[in-house]
Amino acid sequence: MAKSREEEVVAWFDQYHQTIFKFIVLIVKDYFQAEDLTQETFVKAYQYYPSFKRNASPKTWLFSIAHNVTVDYLRKSKPIRLFREVFSSSKKDPEMLPEEILEVKESSRELYDVLNKMKESHRKVLVLRKIKGFSIVETAQILNWSESKVKATTFRAMGVLEKELKKEDFYHEQTRKKHL
């Protein structure tokens, strides 16, 4: 028996709300606003459920809605920027030593700090492609870009990311040496 619209959207919410929330918070950098936008994403998914043609996965369709909701929000306002703690906790591997866990957390924090400084198009494509693991085709669908734009933007964004991480590493090395 087929699921009703409500049952399917509720199932999607259970399955994808955390990952969509994390995507949105990386863009708007405001925890509470990201919660609201995540909720709005699923409300719109419920409203527009009949238009879902199933030529993309539900996850891709939901991320596309989340992207549009977020872009609309950013166009309407300049949000207050708050974000870091949501992503600073990494999943603990029971085999990892406390020092290793701390190192992973520190690396994650540095990565998100650098992402935070990048221009929005670079940040979006890196989050979708490299953090969320979407394919080029799925990312193009979500952002409503061509596949070639996704490829080119990813390439440029990776270059910027690498350059910024090298600068950050140099900065942290210099700071550590001063404190030793």
Protein backbone atom coordinates (compact mmCIF):
# COMPACT_ATOMS: atom_id res chain seq x y z
CA MET A 1 0.00 0.00 0.00
CA ALA A 2 1.36 3.41 -0.97
CA LYS A 3 2.21 5.94 1.72
CA SER A 4 0.13 9.06 2.04
CA ARG A 5 1.69 12.46 1.42
CA GLU A 6 1.88 13.09 5.17
CA GLU A 7 3.47 9.70 5.93
CA GLU A 8 6.08 10.13 3.21
CA VAL A 9 7.03 13.68 4.20
CA VAL A 10 7.25 12.64 7.87
CA ALA A 11 9.51 9.73 6.85
CA TRP A 12 11.69 12.13 4.82
CA PHE A 13 11.85 14.48 7.79
CA ASP A 14 13.00 11.65 10.06
CA GLN A 15 15.62 10.59 7.54
CA TYR A 16 16.96 13.93 6.27
CA HIS A 17 16.20 16.78 8.66
CA GLN A 18 19.59 16.67 10.41
CA THR A 19 21.61 16.70 7.21
CA ILE A 20 19.45 19.46 5.71
CA PHE A 21 19.76 21.47 8.92
CA LYS A 22 23.55 21.16 8.81
CA PHE A 23 23.59 22.26 5.17
CA ILE A 24 21.45 25.31 5.95
CA VAL A 25 23.39 26.30 9.07
CA LEU A 26 26.62 26.25 7.06
CA ILE A 27 25.11 28.79 4.71
CA VAL A 28 23.21 31.11 7.05
CA LYS A 29 25.54 30.62 10.03
CA ASP A 30 22.67 31.06 12.49
CA TYR A 31 21.56 27.99 14.43
CA PHE A 32 18.04 29.16 15.24
CA GLN A 33 17.39 30.54 11.77
CA ALA A 34 18.62 27.24 10.30
CA GLU A 35 16.08 25.39 12.45
CA ASP A 36 13.30 27.64 11.09
CA LEU A 37 14.48 27.23 7.49
CA THR A 38 14.72 23.46 7.91
CA GLN A 39 11.14 23.40 9.15
CA GLU A 40 10.09 25.61 6.22
CA THR A 41 11.81 23.19 3.83
CA PHE A 42 9.60 20.33 4.98
CA VAL A 43 6.46 22.47 4.99
CA LYS A 44 7.19 23.34 1.35
CA ALA A 45 7.90 19.69 0.59
CA TYR A 46 4.45 18.87 1.95
CA GLN A 47 2.84 21.74 -0.01
CA TYR A 48 4.57 20.88 -3.27
CA TYR A 49 4.51 17.11 -2.85
CA PRO A 50 2.24 16.66 -5.91
CA SER A 51 4.87 18.39 -8.07
CA PHE A 52 7.61 15.91 -7.05
CA LYS A 53 8.14 13.98 -10.29
CA ARG A 54 10.57 11.43 -8.80
CA ASN A 55 13.14 12.05 -11.55
CA ALA A 56 15.51 12.87 -8.67
CA SER A 57 15.89 11.23 -5.30
CA PRO A 58 13.79 12.62 -2.44
CA LYS A 59 17.04 13.75 -0.79
CA THR A 60 18.07 15.75 -3.86
CA TRP A 61 14.60 17.27 -4.18
CA LEU A 62 14.57 18.24 -0.48
CA PHE A 63 18.04 19.79 -0.72
CA SER A 64 16.85 21.76 -3.73
CA ILE A 65 13.93 23.09 -1.68
CA ALA A 66 16.28 23.81 1.24
CA HIS A 67 18.61 25.72 -1.08
CA ASN A 68 15.76 27.81 -2.49
CA VAL A 69 14.32 28.53 0.98
CA THR A 70 17.77 29.58 2.19
CA VAL A 71 18.46 31.80 -0.83
CA ASP A 72 15.07 33.47 -0.36
CA TYR A 73 15.88 34.11 3.29
CA LEU A 74 19.33 35.55 2.46
CA ARG A 75 17.84 37.83 -0.16
CA LYS A 76 15.36 39.21 2.37
CA SER A 77 17.76 39.80 5.24
CA LYS A 78 21.31 39.92 6.44
CA PRO A 79 21.36 37.26 9.17
CA ILE A 80 23.32 37.53 12.40
CA ARG A 81 26.25 35.13 12.10
CA LEU A 82 26.42 32.39 14.72
CA PHE A 83 27.34 28.82 13.99
CA ARG A 84 30.43 26.96 15.03
CA GLU A 85 29.41 24.56 17.83
CA VAL A 86 26.95 22.50 15.77
CA PHE A 87 29.74 20.97 13.74
CA SER A 88 32.69 21.01 16.11
CA SER A 89 31.73 17.68 17.65
CA SER A 90 32.99 14.82 15.55
CA LYS A 91 31.81 11.25 15.80
CA LYS A 92 33.99 9.45 18.30
CA ASP A 93 35.79 6.34 17.20
CA PRO A 94 36.07 4.10 20.26
CA GLU A 95 39.64 3.24 19.21
CA MET A 96 40.76 6.89 19.11
CA LEU A 97 42.80 8.33 21.93
CA PRO A 98 41.61 11.58 23.54
CA GLU A 99 44.50 13.46 21.88
CA GLU A 100 43.41 12.15 18.46
CA ILE A 101 39.79 13.17 19.08
CA LEU A 102 40.96 16.64 20.05
CA GLU A 103 43.09 16.86 16.90
CA VAL A 104 40.12 15.86 14.70
CA LYS A 105 37.91 18.44 16.41
CA GLU A 106 40.57 21.11 15.96
CA SER A 107 40.94 20.27 12.26
CA SER A 108 37.17 20.35 11.78
CA ARG A 109 36.94 23.72 13.48
CA GLU A 110 39.69 25.12 11.24
CA LEU A 111 37.96 23.76 8.14
CA TYR A 112 34.63 25.33 9.09
CA ASP A 113 36.33 28.61 9.99
CA VAL A 114 37.86 28.71 6.51
CA LEU A 115 34.55 27.71 4.88
CA ASN A 116 32.91 30.52 6.82
CA LYS A 117 35.26 33.04 5.18
CA MET A 118 34.64 31.81 1.62
CA LYS A 119 32.17 33.37 -0.75
CA GLU A 120 28.72 31.81 -0.69
CA SER A 121 28.85 29.99 -4.04
CA HIS A 122 32.13 28.30 -3.09
CA ARG A 123 30.84 27.38 0.37
CA LYS A 124 27.59 25.90 -1.03
CA VAL A 125 29.27 23.76 -3.66
CA LEU A 126 31.91 22.47 -1.22
CA VAL A 127 29.32 21.61 1.42
CA LEU A 128 27.16 19.75 -1.07
CA ARG A 129 29.94 17.99 -3.00
CA LYS A 130 32.63 17.34 -0.40
CA ILE A 131 30.82 17.28 2.94
CA LYS A 132 27.36 16.00 2.01
CA GLY A 133 28.65 13.78 -0.80
CA PHE A 134 26.24 14.77 -3.57
CA SER A 135 27.21 13.96 -7.14
CA ILE A 136 27.83 16.67 -9.73
CA VAL A 137 24.40 15.99 -11.24
CA GLU A 138 22.62 16.15 -7.86
CA THR A 139 24.50 19.32 -6.88
CA ALA A 140 23.54 20.92 -10.20
CA GLN A 141 19.89 20.02 -9.55
CA ILE A 142 19.97 21.36 -5.99
CA LEU A 143 21.62 24.66 -6.93
CA ASN A 144 19.85 24.95 -10.28
CA TRP A 145 23.22 25.26 -12.00
CA SER A 146 24.68 23.53 -15.04
CA GLU A 147 26.95 20.57 -14.39
CA SER A 148 29.87 22.49 -15.89
CA LYS A 149 29.26 25.36 -13.45
CA VAL A 150 29.30 22.88 -10.56
CA LYS A 151 32.59 21.39 -11.81
CA ALA A 152 34.23 24.79 -12.40
CA THR A 153 33.03 26.24 -9.10
CA THR A 154 34.14 23.14 -7.20
CA PHE A 155 37.58 23.35 -8.82
CA ARG A 156 37.94 27.05 -7.95
CA ALA A 157 36.56 26.57 -4.45
CA MET A 158 38.97 23.71 -3.74
CA GLY A 159 41.86 25.95 -4.79
CA VAL A 160 40.68 28.71 -2.48
CA LEU A 161 40.11 26.23 0.34
CA GLU A 162 43.59 24.74 -0.05
CA LYS A 163 45.18 28.19 -0.12
CA GLU A 164 43.25 29.33 2.97
CA LEU A 165 44.00 26.14 4.91
CA LYS A 166 47.71 26.58 4.17
CA LYS A 167 47.51 30.16 5.46
CA GLU A 168 45.63 28.98 8.56
CA ASP A 169 48.18 26.22 9.18
CA PHE A 170 51.03 28.70 8.83
CA TYR A 171 49.27 31.10 11.21
CA HIS A 172 48.67 28.37 13.80
CA GLU A 173 52.26 27.13 13.51
CA GLN A 174 53.57 30.66 14.15
CA THR A 175 51.20 31.09 17.11
CA ARG A 176 52.26 27.74 18.60
CA LYS A 177 55.96 28.61 18.26
CA LYS A 178 55.41 31.92 20.07
CA HIS A 179 53.71 30.12 22.96
CA LEU A 180 56.38 27.43 23.34
